[in-house]
Amino acid sequence: MLKLKTHKGARKRFSFTGTGKIKRSKAGGAHILTKKSAKRKRFLKHSTILVKEEFKKIKVMLPYS
């Protein structure tokens, strides 16, 4: 059987926690930061857990994680 290839874009954007959940970073914190409040920018720094509806898609892209 052929080996499955890891999706390189997904590998850079997602990581797994110790309990098997998928961690992602929040969108919107890279540019046009002058109009965003300090509180909003502060919360954009933190990562968050992926919702369960998207979990299956990402798991297919990262088969050996």
C-alpha atoms as a PDB file:
ATOM      1  CA  MET A   1       0.000   0.000   0.000  1.00  0.00           C
ATOM      2  CA  LEU A   2       1.210   3.491  -0.829  1.00  0.00           C
ATOM      3  CA  LYS A   3       2.267   5.926   1.848  1.00  0.00           C
ATOM      4  CA  LEU A   4      -0.038   8.893   2.376  1.00  0.00           C
ATOM      5  CA  LYS A   5       1.494  12.298   1.834  1.00  0.00           C
ATOM      6  CA  THR A   6       1.294  14.993   4.488  1.00  0.00           C
ATOM      7  CA  HIS A   7      -0.328  18.225   3.306  1.00  0.00           C
ATOM      8  CA  LYS A   8       2.541  20.717   3.686  1.00  0.00           C
ATOM      9  CA  GLY A   9       0.272  23.738   4.202  1.00  0.00           C
ATOM     10  CA  ALA A  10      -1.640  21.956   6.957  1.00  0.00           C
ATOM     11  CA  ARG A  11       1.592  20.830   8.606  1.00  0.00           C
ATOM     12  CA  LYS A  12       2.702  24.460   8.937  1.00  0.00           C
ATOM     13  CA  ARG A  13      -0.646  25.712  10.272  1.00  0.00           C
ATOM     14  CA  PHE A  14      -1.825  23.015  12.674  1.00  0.00           C
ATOM     15  CA  SER A  15      -0.283  21.092  15.550  1.00  0.00           C
ATOM     16  CA  PHE A  16      -1.540  18.468  17.950  1.00  0.00           C
ATOM     17  CA  THR A  17      -1.897  18.830  21.692  1.00  0.00           C
ATOM     18  CA  GLY A  18      -0.924  16.107  24.116  1.00  0.00           C
ATOM     19  CA  THR A  19      -4.527  14.907  24.373  1.00  0.00           C
ATOM     20  CA  GLY A  20      -4.925  14.643  20.577  1.00  0.00           C
ATOM     21  CA  LYS A  21      -6.811  17.851  19.880  1.00  0.00           C
ATOM     22  CA  ILE A  22      -5.716  20.087  16.995  1.00  0.00           C
ATOM     23  CA  LYS A  23      -4.349  23.537  17.763  1.00  0.00           C
ATOM     24  CA  ARG A  24      -4.542  26.441  15.317  1.00  0.00           C
ATOM     25  CA  SER A  25      -3.615  30.110  15.307  1.00  0.00           C
ATOM     26  CA  LYS A  26      -6.204  32.837  14.896  1.00  0.00           C
ATOM     27  CA  ALA A  27      -6.602  34.751  11.659  1.00  0.00           C
ATOM     28  CA  GLY A  28      -6.196  38.505  11.274  1.00  0.00           C
ATOM     29  CA  GLY A  29      -3.131  39.237  13.356  1.00  0.00           C
ATOM     30  CA  ALA A  30      -0.586  39.664  10.579  1.00  0.00           C
ATOM     31  CA  HIS A  31      -1.258  43.071   9.006  1.00  0.00           C
ATOM     32  CA  ILE A  32      -3.483  46.181   9.144  1.00  0.00           C
ATOM     33  CA  LEU A  33      -2.958  46.302  12.892  1.00  0.00           C
ATOM     34  CA  THR A  34      -3.327  50.068  13.344  1.00  0.00           C
ATOM     35  CA  LYS A  35      -7.130  50.020  13.292  1.00  0.00           C
ATOM     36  CA  LYS A  36      -7.389  47.054  15.693  1.00  0.00           C
ATOM     37  CA  SER A  37      -7.601  47.665  19.411  1.00  0.00           C
ATOM     38  CA  ALA A  38      -4.868  46.506  21.784  1.00  0.00           C
ATOM     39  CA  LYS A  39      -7.260  44.021  23.373  1.00  0.00           C
ATOM     40  CA  ARG A  40      -8.170  42.521  20.007  1.00  0.00           C
ATOM     41  CA  LYS A  41      -4.499  42.205  18.980  1.00  0.00           C
ATOM     42  CA  ARG A  42      -3.645  40.625  22.317  1.00  0.00           C
ATOM     43  CA  PHE A  43      -6.298  37.942  21.907  1.00  0.00           C
ATOM     44  CA  LEU A  44      -5.229  37.266  18.305  1.00  0.00           C
ATOM     45  CA  LYS A  45      -1.775  36.215  19.581  1.00  0.00           C
ATOM     46  CA  HIS A  46      -3.138  33.183  21.411  1.00  0.00           C
ATOM     47  CA  SER A  47      -3.795  29.871  19.712  1.00  0.00           C
ATOM     48  CA  THR A  48      -7.089  28.019  19.979  1.00  0.00           C
ATOM     49  CA  ILE A  49      -8.473  24.497  19.581  1.00  0.00           C
ATOM     50  CA  LEU A  50      -9.987  23.486  16.252  1.00  0.00           C
ATOM     51  CA  VAL A  51     -13.740  22.851  16.255  1.00  0.00           C
ATOM     52  CA  LYS A  52     -14.830  19.194  16.002  1.00  0.00           C
ATOM     53  CA  GLU A  53     -16.557  19.712  12.624  1.00  0.00           C
ATOM     54  CA  GLU A  54     -13.186  20.524  10.995  1.00  0.00           C
ATOM     55  CA  PHE A  55     -11.211  17.860  12.871  1.00  0.00           C
ATOM     56  CA  LYS A  56     -11.833  15.071  10.340  1.00  0.00           C
ATOM     57  CA  LYS A  57     -10.620  17.154   7.366  1.00  0.00           C
ATOM     58  CA  ILE A  58      -7.363  18.136   9.035  1.00  0.00           C
ATOM     59  CA  LYS A  59      -6.771  14.587  10.318  1.00  0.00           C
ATOM     60  CA  VAL A  60      -6.840  13.374   6.693  1.00  0.00           C
ATOM     61  CA  MET A  61      -4.271  16.021   5.714  1.00  0.00           C
ATOM     62  CA  LEU A  62      -1.961  15.027   8.600  1.00  0.00           C
ATOM     63  CA  PRO A  63      -2.069  11.203   8.522  1.00  0.00           C
ATOM     64  CA  TYR A  64       1.036  10.467  10.636  1.00  0.00           C
ATOM     65  CA  SER A  65       0.505  12.952  13.446  1.00  0.00           C
END
